[in-house]
C-alpha atoms as a PDB file:
ATOM      1  CA  MET A   1     108.525 100.705  95.276  1.00  0.00           C
ATOM      2  CA  THR A   2     105.493 102.211  93.502  1.00  0.00           C
ATOM      3  CA  ALA A   3     107.535 105.218  92.392  1.00  0.00           C
ATOM      4  CA  LEU A   4     110.312 102.976  91.059  1.00  0.00           C
ATOM      5  CA  ILE A   5     107.898 100.845  89.034  1.00  0.00           C
ATOM      6  CA  GLY A   6     106.272 103.979  87.627  1.00  0.00           C
ATOM      7  CA  LEU A   7     109.611 105.472  86.587  1.00  0.00           C
ATOM      8  CA  VAL A   8     110.706 102.217  84.916  1.00  0.00           C
ATOM      9  CA  SER A   9     107.369 101.967  83.093  1.00  0.00           C
ATOM     10  CA  ASN A  10     107.707 105.523  81.753  1.00  0.00           C
ATOM     11  CA  ALA A  11     111.332 105.006  80.745  1.00  0.00           C
ATOM     12  CA  THR A  12     110.566 101.809  78.817  1.00  0.00           C
ATOM     13  CA  GLY A  13     107.556 103.356  77.089  1.00  0.00           C
ATOM     14  CA  ASN A  14     105.031 100.944  78.580  1.00  0.00           C
ATOM     15  CA  SER A  15     102.937 103.883  79.813  1.00  0.00           C
ATOM     16  CA  THR A  16     102.299 107.287  78.285  1.00  0.00           C
ATOM     17  CA  ARG A  17     103.157 110.381  80.291  1.00  0.00           C
ATOM     18  CA  LYS A  18     100.582 113.160  80.226  1.00  0.00           C
ATOM     19  CA  ARG A  19     101.458 116.490  81.745  1.00  0.00           C
ATOM     20  CA  VAL A  20      99.934 117.406  85.117  1.00  0.00           C
ATOM     21  CA  PRO A  21     100.951 120.775  86.628  1.00  0.00           C
ATOM     22  CA  LEU A  22     103.666 120.360  89.234  1.00  0.00           C
ATOM     23  CA  TRP A  23     101.835 122.451  91.817  1.00  0.00           C
ATOM     24  CA  GLU A  24      98.843 120.090  91.654  1.00  0.00           C
ATOM     25  CA  LEU A  25     101.125 117.090  92.149  1.00  0.00           C
ATOM     26  CA  PHE A  26     102.723 118.797  95.161  1.00  0.00           C
ATOM     27  CA  TRP A  27      99.314 119.668  96.596  1.00  0.00           C
ATOM     28  CA  PHE A  28      98.086 116.112  96.137  1.00  0.00           C
ATOM     29  CA  SER A  29     101.257 114.691  97.737  1.00  0.00           C
ATOM     30  CA  ILE A  30     100.849 116.929 100.784  1.00  0.00           C
ATOM     31  CA  VAL A  31      97.254 115.787 101.243  1.00  0.00           C
ATOM     32  CA  ALA A  32      98.178 112.112 100.709  1.00  0.00           C
ATOM     33  CA  ASN A  33     101.113 112.231 103.138  1.00  0.00           C
ATOM     34  CA  THR A  34      98.940 113.984 105.723  1.00  0.00           C
ATOM     35  CA  SER A  35      96.444 111.155 105.305  1.00  0.00           C
ATOM     36  CA  ILE A  36      99.105 108.469 105.879  1.00  0.00           C
ATOM     37  CA  THR A  37     100.555 110.252 108.912  1.00  0.00           C
ATOM     38  CA  GLY A  38      97.164 111.061 110.396  1.00  0.00           C
ATOM     39  CA  MET A  39      95.838 107.506 110.093  1.00  0.00           C
ATOM     40  CA  ASN A  40      98.935 106.056 111.765  1.00  0.00           C
ATOM     41  CA  LEU A  41      98.859 108.632 114.565  1.00  0.00           C
ATOM     42  CA  SER A  42      95.130 108.013 115.057  1.00  0.00           C
ATOM     43  CA  LEU A  43      95.754 104.279 115.480  1.00  0.00           C
ATOM     44  CA  MET A  44      98.643 104.948 117.849  1.00  0.00           C
ATOM     45  CA  LEU A  45      96.866 107.475 120.094  1.00  0.00           C
ATOM     46  CA  ASN A  46      93.303 106.086 120.087  1.00  0.00           C
ATOM     47  CA  SER A  47      91.750 102.768 120.921  1.00  0.00           C
ATOM     48  CA  VAL A  48      91.075 100.353 118.073  1.00  0.00           C
ATOM     49  CA  GLY A  49      87.340 100.935 118.517  1.00  0.00           C
ATOM     50  CA  PHE A  50      87.576 104.691 117.978  1.00  0.00           C
ATOM     51  CA  TYR A  51      89.980 104.154 115.083  1.00  0.00           C
ATOM     52  CA  GLN A  52      87.354 101.965 113.395  1.00  0.00           C
ATOM     53  CA  ILE A  53      84.669 104.597 114.024  1.00  0.00           C
ATOM     54  CA  SER A  54      86.853 107.259 112.398  1.00  0.00           C
ATOM     55  CA  LYS A  55      87.326 105.003 109.343  1.00  0.00           C
ATOM     56  CA  LEU A  56      83.575 104.428 109.134  1.00  0.00           C
ATOM     57  CA  SER A  57      82.954 108.172 109.197  1.00  0.00           C
ATOM     58  CA  MET A  58      84.869 108.559 105.932  1.00  0.00           C
ATOM     59  CA  ILE A  59      81.893 107.419 103.829  1.00  0.00           C
ATOM     60  CA  PRO A  60      79.545 110.238 104.927  1.00  0.00           C
ATOM     61  CA  VAL A  61      82.460 112.718 104.888  1.00  0.00           C
ATOM     62  CA  VAL A  62      83.299 111.749 101.275  1.00  0.00           C
ATOM     63  CA  CYS A  63      79.634 112.144 100.310  1.00  0.00           C
ATOM     64  CA  VAL A  64      79.443 115.608 101.887  1.00  0.00           C
ATOM     65  CA  MET A  65      82.743 116.742 100.342  1.00  0.00           C
ATOM     66  CA  GLU A  66      81.716 115.535  96.867  1.00  0.00           C
ATOM     67  CA  TRP A  67      78.454 117.452  97.282  1.00  0.00           C
ATOM     68  CA  ILE A  68      80.348 120.618  98.312  1.00  0.00           C
ATOM     69  CA  LEU A  69      83.185 120.375  95.769  1.00  0.00           C
ATOM     70  CA  HIS A  70      81.410 118.813  92.773  1.00  0.00           C
ATOM     71  CA  ASN A  71      77.715 119.370  93.523  1.00  0.00           C
ATOM     72  CA  LYS A  72      77.173 115.613  93.425  1.00  0.00           C
ATOM     73  CA  HIS A  73      73.835 114.337  94.694  1.00  0.00           C
ATOM     74  CA  TYR A  74      72.935 110.863  95.889  1.00  0.00           C
ATOM     75  CA  SER A  75      69.615 109.061  95.635  1.00  0.00           C
ATOM     76  CA  LYS A  76      67.690 107.866  98.661  1.00  0.00           C
ATOM     77  CA  LYS A  77      68.586 104.241  97.894  1.00  0.00           C
ATOM     78  CA  VAL A  78      72.311 105.016  97.865  1.00  0.00           C
ATOM     79  CA  LYS A  79      72.073 106.853 101.187  1.00  0.00           C
ATOM     80  CA  ILE A  80      70.212 103.931 102.778  1.00  0.00           C
ATOM     81  CA  ALA A  81      72.787 101.457 101.432  1.00  0.00           C
ATOM     82  CA  VAL A  82      75.671 103.516 102.840  1.00  0.00           C
ATOM     83  CA  ILE A  83      73.997 103.612 106.258  1.00  0.00           C
ATOM     84  CA  VAL A  84      73.505  99.816 106.197  1.00  0.00           C
ATOM     85  CA  VAL A  85      77.193  99.259 105.320  1.00  0.00           C
ATOM     86  CA  VAL A  86      78.383 101.593 108.092  1.00  0.00           C
ATOM     87  CA  VAL A  87      76.135  99.918 110.663  1.00  0.00           C
ATOM     88  CA  GLY A  88      77.219  96.430 109.604  1.00  0.00           C
ATOM     89  CA  VAL A  89      80.953  97.150 109.726  1.00  0.00           C
ATOM     90  CA  GLY A  90      80.482  99.007 113.006  1.00  0.00           C
ATOM     91  CA  VAL A  91      78.729  96.031 114.595  1.00  0.00           C
ATOM     92  CA  CYS A  92      81.492  93.577 113.653  1.00  0.00           C
ATOM     93  CA  THR A  93      84.540  95.784 114.399  1.00  0.00           C
ATOM     94  CA  VAL A  94      83.813  98.412 117.046  1.00  0.00           C
ATOM     95  CA  THR A  95      84.481  97.174 120.569  1.00  0.00           C
ATOM     96  CA  ASP A  96      86.171  99.386 123.146  1.00  0.00           C
ATOM     97  CA  VAL A  97      85.977 103.118 122.445  1.00  0.00           C
ATOM     98  CA  LYS A  98      88.504 105.347 124.181  1.00  0.00           C
ATOM     99  CA  VAL A  99      89.495 108.775 122.918  1.00  0.00           C
ATOM    100  CA  ASN A 100      91.608 111.751 124.002  1.00  0.00           C
ATOM    101  CA  ALA A 101      92.118 115.260 122.671  1.00  0.00           C
ATOM    102  CA  GLN A 102      95.293 114.478 120.710  1.00  0.00           C
ATOM    103  CA  GLY A 103      93.855 111.288 119.268  1.00  0.00           C
ATOM    104  CA  PHE A 104      90.619 113.007 118.265  1.00  0.00           C
ATOM    105  CA  THR A 105      92.545 115.791 116.504  1.00  0.00           C
ATOM    106  CA  CYS A 106      94.671 113.267 114.581  1.00  0.00           C
ATOM    107  CA  ALA A 107      91.577 111.265 113.620  1.00  0.00           C
ATOM    108  CA  PHE A 108      89.786 114.427 112.459  1.00  0.00           C
ATOM    109  CA  VAL A 109      92.737 115.462 110.273  1.00  0.00           C
ATOM    110  CA  ALA A 110      93.125 111.909 108.967  1.00  0.00           C
ATOM    111  CA  VAL A 111      89.477 111.595 107.936  1.00  0.00           C
ATOM    112  CA  LEU A 112      89.427 114.965 106.138  1.00  0.00           C
ATOM    113  CA  SER A 113      92.758 114.462 104.357  1.00  0.00           C
ATOM    114  CA  THR A 114      91.969 110.871 103.325  1.00  0.00           C
ATOM    115  CA  SER A 115      88.567 111.860 101.963  1.00  0.00           C
ATOM    116  CA  LEU A 116      90.072 114.806 100.058  1.00  0.00           C
ATOM    117  CA  GLN A 117      92.856 112.613  98.678  1.00  0.00           C
ATOM    118  CA  GLN A 118      90.439 110.025  97.323  1.00  0.00           C
ATOM    119  CA  ILE A 119      88.210 112.667  95.740  1.00  0.00           C
ATOM    120  CA  SER A 120      91.287 114.340  94.208  1.00  0.00           C
ATOM    121  CA  ILE A 121      92.328 111.082  92.509  1.00  0.00           C
ATOM    122  CA  GLY A 122      89.112 111.000  90.513  1.00  0.00           C
ATOM    123  CA  SER A 123      89.180 114.756  89.855  1.00  0.00           C
ATOM    124  CA  LEU A 124      92.736 114.744  88.466  1.00  0.00           C
ATOM    125  CA  GLN A 125      92.044 111.757  86.220  1.00  0.00           C
ATOM    126  CA  ALA A 126      88.936 113.410  84.799  1.00  0.00           C
ATOM    127  CA  LYS A 127      90.489 116.876  84.510  1.00  0.00           C
ATOM    128  CA  TYR A 128      93.605 115.822  82.591  1.00  0.00           C
ATOM    129  CA  SER A 129      92.214 112.668  80.893  1.00  0.00           C
ATOM    130  CA  ILE A 130      94.967 110.630  82.482  1.00  0.00           C
ATOM    131  CA  GLY A 131      94.948 106.938  83.336  1.00  0.00           C
ATOM    132  CA  SER A 132      95.178 105.506  86.820  1.00  0.00           C
ATOM    133  CA  PHE A 133      98.714 104.153  86.518  1.00  0.00           C
ATOM    134  CA  GLU A 134      99.965 107.283  84.737  1.00  0.00           C
ATOM    135  CA  LEU A 135      98.705 109.496  87.577  1.00  0.00           C
ATOM    136  CA  LEU A 136     100.133 107.141  90.197  1.00  0.00           C
ATOM    137  CA  SER A 137     103.535 107.131  88.499  1.00  0.00           C
ATOM    138  CA  GLN A 138     103.644 110.947  88.733  1.00  0.00           C
ATOM    139  CA  THR A 139     102.446 111.335  92.323  1.00  0.00           C
ATOM    140  CA  ALA A 140     104.345 108.408  93.876  1.00  0.00           C
ATOM    141  CA  PRO A 141     107.912 109.807  93.392  1.00  0.00           C
ATOM    142  CA  ILE A 142     107.001 113.090  95.108  1.00  0.00           C
ATOM    143  CA  GLN A 143     105.301 111.256  97.967  1.00  0.00           C
ATOM    144  CA  ALA A 144     108.216 108.846  98.368  1.00  0.00           C
ATOM    145  CA  LEU A 145     110.837 111.610  98.368  1.00  0.00           C
ATOM    146  CA  SER A 146     108.976 113.742 100.898  1.00  0.00           C
ATOM    147  CA  LEU A 147     108.371 110.782 103.232  1.00  0.00           C
ATOM    148  CA  LEU A 148     112.037 109.734 103.024  1.00  0.00           C
ATOM    149  CA  LEU A 149     113.104 113.259 103.950  1.00  0.00           C
ATOM    150  CA  PHE A 150     110.667 114.010 106.762  1.00  0.00           C
ATOM    151  CA  GLY A 151     109.604 110.528 107.912  1.00  0.00           C
ATOM    152  CA  PRO A 152     112.676 109.721 110.044  1.00  0.00           C
ATOM    153  CA  PHE A 153     112.401 113.039 111.908  1.00  0.00           C
ATOM    154  CA  VAL A 154     108.713 112.509 112.672  1.00  0.00           C
ATOM    155  CA  ASP A 155     109.447 108.952 113.773  1.00  0.00           C
ATOM    156  CA  TYR A 156     112.238 110.136 116.086  1.00  0.00           C
ATOM    157  CA  TYR A 157     109.953 112.816 117.568  1.00  0.00           C
ATOM    158  CA  LEU A 158     107.273 110.222 118.334  1.00  0.00           C
ATOM    159  CA  SER A 159     109.379 107.256 119.424  1.00  0.00           C
ATOM    160  CA  GLY A 160     112.658 108.828 120.522  1.00  0.00           C
ATOM    161  CA  LYS A 161     114.598 106.318 118.390  1.00  0.00           C
ATOM    162  CA  LEU A 162     116.537 106.798 115.192  1.00  0.00           C
ATOM    163  CA  LEU A 163     115.761 104.618 112.198  1.00  0.00           C
ATOM    164  CA  ALA A 164     119.487 103.849 111.822  1.00  0.00           C
ATOM    165  CA  SER A 165     119.519 102.241 115.282  1.00  0.00           C
ATOM    166  CA  TYR A 166     117.152  99.476 114.147  1.00  0.00           C
ATOM    167  CA  LYS A 167     118.929  96.183 113.523  1.00  0.00           C
ATOM    168  CA  PHE A 168     117.735  94.786 110.209  1.00  0.00           C
ATOM    169  CA  SER A 169     117.554  91.015 109.914  1.00  0.00           C
ATOM    170  CA  SER A 170     116.981  88.979 106.782  1.00  0.00           C
ATOM    171  CA  ALA A 171     113.431  88.189 107.946  1.00  0.00           C
ATOM    172  CA  ALA A 172     112.672  91.869 108.578  1.00  0.00           C
ATOM    173  CA  PHE A 173     114.054  92.835 105.180  1.00  0.00           C
ATOM    174  CA  PHE A 174     111.968  90.114 103.502  1.00  0.00           C
ATOM    175  CA  PHE A 175     108.719  91.244 105.118  1.00  0.00           C
ATOM    176  CA  ILE A 176     109.464  94.902 104.371  1.00  0.00           C
ATOM    177  CA  LEU A 177     110.008  94.000 100.720  1.00  0.00           C
ATOM    178  CA  LEU A 178     106.846  91.881 100.703  1.00  0.00           C
ATOM    179  CA  SER A 179     104.855  94.702 102.272  1.00  0.00           C
ATOM    180  CA  CYS A 180     106.136  97.189  99.693  1.00  0.00           C
ATOM    181  CA  SER A 181     105.302  94.821  96.835  1.00  0.00           C
ATOM    182  CA  LEU A 182     101.753  94.314  98.101  1.00  0.00           C
ATOM    183  CA  ALA A 183     101.415  98.084  98.582  1.00  0.00           C
ATOM    184  CA  VAL A 184     102.047  98.561  94.851  1.00  0.00           C
ATOM    185  CA  PHE A 185      98.988  96.468  93.994  1.00  0.00           C
ATOM    186  CA  CYS A 186      96.993  98.207  96.720  1.00  0.00           C
ATOM    187  CA  ASN A 187      97.861 101.662  95.351  1.00  0.00           C
ATOM    188  CA  ILE A 188      97.104 100.686  91.751  1.00  0.00           C
ATOM    189  CA  SER A 189      93.757  99.152  92.720  1.00  0.00           C
ATOM    190  CA  GLN A 190      92.831 102.318  94.646  1.00  0.00           C
ATOM    191  CA  TYR A 191      93.508 104.587  91.668  1.00  0.00           C
ATOM    192  CA  LEU A 192      91.754 102.190  89.280  1.00  0.00           C
ATOM    193  CA  CYS A 193      88.648 101.872  91.451  1.00  0.00           C
ATOM    194  CA  ILE A 194      88.276 105.599  92.108  1.00  0.00           C
ATOM    195  CA  GLY A 195      88.964 106.469  88.468  1.00  0.00           C
ATOM    196  CA  ARG A 196      86.427 103.916  87.221  1.00  0.00           C
ATOM    197  CA  PHE A 197      83.725 104.500  89.840  1.00  0.00           C
ATOM    198  CA  SER A 198      83.930 107.117  92.618  1.00  0.00           C
ATOM    199  CA  ALA A 199      85.470 107.809  96.018  1.00  0.00           C
ATOM    200  CA  THR A 200      82.238 106.753  97.720  1.00  0.00           C
ATOM    201  CA  SER A 201      82.197 103.425  95.870  1.00  0.00           C
ATOM    202  CA  PHE A 202      85.823 102.886  96.855  1.00  0.00           C
ATOM    203  CA  GLN A 203      84.965 103.460 100.515  1.00  0.00           C
ATOM    204  CA  VAL A 204      82.063 101.008 100.365  1.00  0.00           C
ATOM    205  CA  LEU A 205      84.221  98.427  98.581  1.00  0.00           C
ATOM    206  CA  GLY A 206      87.061  99.057 101.039  1.00  0.00           C
ATOM    207  CA  HIS A 207      84.951  97.836 103.929  1.00  0.00           C
ATOM    208  CA  MET A 208      84.784  94.449 102.234  1.00  0.00           C
ATOM    209  CA  LYS A 209      88.460  94.265 103.204  1.00  0.00           C
ATOM    210  CA  THR A 210      87.433  94.385 106.867  1.00  0.00           C
ATOM    211  CA  VAL A 211      85.094  91.442 106.327  1.00  0.00           C
ATOM    212  CA  CYS A 212      87.857  89.502 104.543  1.00  0.00           C
ATOM    213  CA  VAL A 213      90.336  90.234 107.358  1.00  0.00           C
ATOM    214  CA  LEU A 214      87.940  88.813 109.955  1.00  0.00           C
ATOM    215  CA  VAL A 215      87.187  85.694 107.881  1.00  0.00           C
ATOM    216  CA  LEU A 216      90.834  85.020 106.958  1.00  0.00           C
ATOM    217  CA  GLY A 217      91.895  85.589 110.561  1.00  0.00           C
ATOM    218  CA  TRP A 218      89.425  82.929 111.615  1.00  0.00           C
ATOM    219  CA  LEU A 219      90.469  80.509 108.855  1.00  0.00           C
ATOM    220  CA  LEU A 220      94.256  80.955 108.966  1.00  0.00           C
ATOM    221  CA  PHE A 221      95.094  82.112 112.471  1.00  0.00           C
ATOM    222  CA  ASP A 222      92.263  80.612 114.537  1.00  0.00           C
ATOM    223  CA  SER A 223      91.002  84.056 115.583  1.00  0.00           C
ATOM    224  CA  GLU A 224      87.742  84.205 117.481  1.00  0.00           C
ATOM    225  CA  LEU A 225      84.674  84.843 115.339  1.00  0.00           C
ATOM    226  CA  THR A 226      81.661  85.685 117.481  1.00  0.00           C
ATOM    227  CA  LEU A 227      77.982  85.821 116.607  1.00  0.00           C
ATOM    228  CA  LYS A 228      78.259  89.630 116.758  1.00  0.00           C
ATOM    229  CA  ASN A 229      81.012  89.557 114.121  1.00  0.00           C
ATOM    230  CA  ILE A 230      79.003  87.280 111.847  1.00  0.00           C
ATOM    231  CA  LEU A 231      75.874  89.420 112.201  1.00  0.00           C
ATOM    232  CA  GLY A 232      77.840  92.578 111.379  1.00  0.00           C
ATOM    233  CA  MET A 233      79.452  91.004 108.329  1.00  0.00           C
ATOM    234  CA  VAL A 234      76.085  89.829 106.999  1.00  0.00           C
ATOM    235  CA  ILE A 235      74.605  93.325 107.443  1.00  0.00           C
ATOM    236  CA  ALA A 236      77.636  94.904 105.738  1.00  0.00           C
ATOM    237  CA  ILE A 237      77.447  92.527 102.759  1.00  0.00           C
ATOM    238  CA  ILE A 238      73.704  93.178 102.393  1.00  0.00           C
ATOM    239  CA  GLY A 239      74.457  96.926 102.413  1.00  0.00           C
ATOM    240  CA  MET A 240      77.079  96.487  99.694  1.00  0.00           C
ATOM    241  CA  VAL A 241      74.637  94.553  97.521  1.00  0.00           C
ATOM    242  CA  ILE A 242      71.987  97.247  98.024  1.00  0.00           C
ATOM    243  CA  TYR A 243      74.567  99.925  97.176  1.00  0.00           C
ATOM    244  CA  SER A 244      75.601  98.239  93.918  1.00  0.00           C
ATOM    245  CA  CYS A 245      71.952  97.796  92.897  1.00  0.00           C
ATOM    246  CA  ALA A 246      71.151 101.427  93.788  1.00  0.00           C
ATOM    247  CA  VAL A 247      74.113 102.784  91.793  1.00  0.00           C
ATOM    248  CA  GLU A 248      73.188 100.639  88.790  1.00  0.00           C
ATOM    249  CA  ALA A 249      69.558 101.808  89.006  1.00  0.00           C
ATOM    250  CA  ASP A 250      70.713 105.446  89.097  1.00  0.00           C
ATOM    251  CA  LYS A 251      72.844 104.899  85.989  1.00  0.00           C
ATOM    252  CA  GLN A 252      69.912 103.404  84.089  1.00  0.00           C
ATOM    253  CA  THR A 253      67.650 106.266  85.191  1.00  0.00           C
ATOM    254  CA  ASP A 254      70.166 108.866  84.026  1.00  0.00           C
ATOM    255  CA  SER A 255      70.567 107.123  80.666  1.00  0.00           C
ATOM    256  CA  LYS A 256      66.789 107.241  80.131  1.00  0.00           C
ATOM    257  CA  VAL A 257      66.339 110.848  81.241  1.00  0.00           C
ATOM    258  CA  ILE A 258      68.786 112.347  78.744  1.00  0.00           C
ATOM    259  CA  PRO A 259      67.173 110.884  75.565  1.00  0.00           C
ATOM    260  CA  ASN A 260      63.701 111.753  76.861  1.00  0.00           C
ATOM    261  CA  ARG A 261      64.741 115.362  77.328  1.00  0.00           C
ATOM    262  CA  LYS A 262      66.115 115.455  73.803  1.00  0.00           C
ATOM    263  CA  ASP A 263      62.939 113.948  72.339  1.00  0.00           C
ATOM    264  CA  ALA A 264      60.786 116.355  74.310  1.00  0.00           C
ATOM    265  CA  SER A 265      62.749 119.352  73.090  1.00  0.00           C
ATOM    266  CA  GLU A 266      62.435 118.221  69.451  1.00  0.00           C
ATOM    267  CA  GLU A 267      58.676 117.761  69.848  1.00  0.00           C
ATOM    268  CA  ASP A 268      58.383 121.245  71.356  1.00  0.00           C
ATOM    269  CA  VAL A 269      60.270 122.758  68.411  1.00  0.00           C
ATOM    270  CA  GLU A 270      58.037 121.034  65.844  1.00  0.00           C
ATOM    271  CA  LEU A 271      54.891 122.115  67.712  1.00  0.00           C
ATOM    272  CA  LEU A 272      56.143 125.691  67.853  1.00  0.00           C
ATOM    273  CA  LYS A 273      56.847 125.675  64.091  1.00  0.00           C
ATOM    274  CA  GLN A 274      53.321 124.456  63.368  1.00  0.00           C
ATOM    275  CA  GLN A 275      51.818 127.170  65.543  1.00  0.00           C
ATOM    276  CA  LEU A 276      53.887 129.852  63.806  1.00  0.00           C
ATOM    277  CA  ASP A 277      52.899 128.552  60.371  1.00  0.00           C
ATOM    278  CA  GLU A 278      49.242 128.602  61.267  1.00  0.00           C
ATOM    279  CA  SER A 279      49.358 132.127  62.674  1.00  0.00           C
ATOM    280  CA  SER A 280      51.576 133.575  59.912  1.00  0.00           C
ATOM    281  CA  PRO A 281      49.932 135.836  57.224  1.00  0.00           C
ATOM    282  CA  HIS A 282      52.358 134.641  54.516  1.00  0.00           C
ATOM    283  CA  LYS A 283      50.060 131.773  53.559  1.00  0.00           C
ATOM    284  CA  ASP A 284      47.200 134.194  52.847  1.00  0.00           C
ATOM    285  CA  VAL A 285      49.492 136.531  50.876  1.00  0.00           C
ATOM    286  CA  GLU A 286      50.426 133.711  48.514  1.00  0.00           C
ATOM    287  CA  LEU A 287      46.704 133.115  47.862  1.00  0.00           C
ATOM    288  CA  GLY A 288      45.985 136.804  47.481  1.00  0.00           C
ATOM    289  CA  LYS A 289      43.806 136.833  50.583  1.00  0.00           C
ATOM    290  CA  SER A 290      45.924 138.906  52.889  1.00  0.00           C
ATOM    291  CA  GLN A 291      43.900 141.299  54.980  1.00  0.00           C
ATOM    292  CA  PRO A 292      44.952 144.937  55.498  1.00  0.00           C
END
């Protein structure tokens, strides 16, 4: 669905198409598809509690990978805010924790590939000066084609059933179409958020989704909402507020440091010129007082 909308938008001229090397699009699609497959396998093979822990680990993994790949550093306030968010979401979501070797391997691959995919979104947009929707419209067709080709075989290997054997009903078709339509907005919002902010900010913001799921489940489906859930949500929201304040403070600090450095360098140049003028013999030569 996302690929189709992107192709229609390019064909009608509603979006500009900037060239991104094909090998980079293929590389990104491989990483993104590995992320999708790994997350689904992790949920299938592990308990829900361990699956939530693996999702929570993405924030520190993204931070470490951005430091390794882009030499990005985080202030103490940002690190504290990230820890508060992780603790809060962990308190309200993590219950039973069961893990096995296969599940741990899938979770490990899923966390690394998802973190790399989200960092790559921002890197490609900055490298080729391309918009969020333009990049999505180029990566989505490759992802869709590869998943259509290899997805049924992977599904048959895992479940032992062919996709063609499933009996589609009108209700199933409606919910599949609804899910695909909502996925378009989800994909666009992911690219927009990462392109505008960063992969770390997207991870922090993404955990607000967990809070919304718990609240909406309680409001719409009468799901149980315990004191532990409420406490975790409050801690997570406080962490998100601290994170936004810390990021904003870092931006203001950076904006002040750059002009100060420029002013300091100009002052140093003027001082150096004055010192050279005072120590130069040319002034005495003009007055006929130059010493041998």
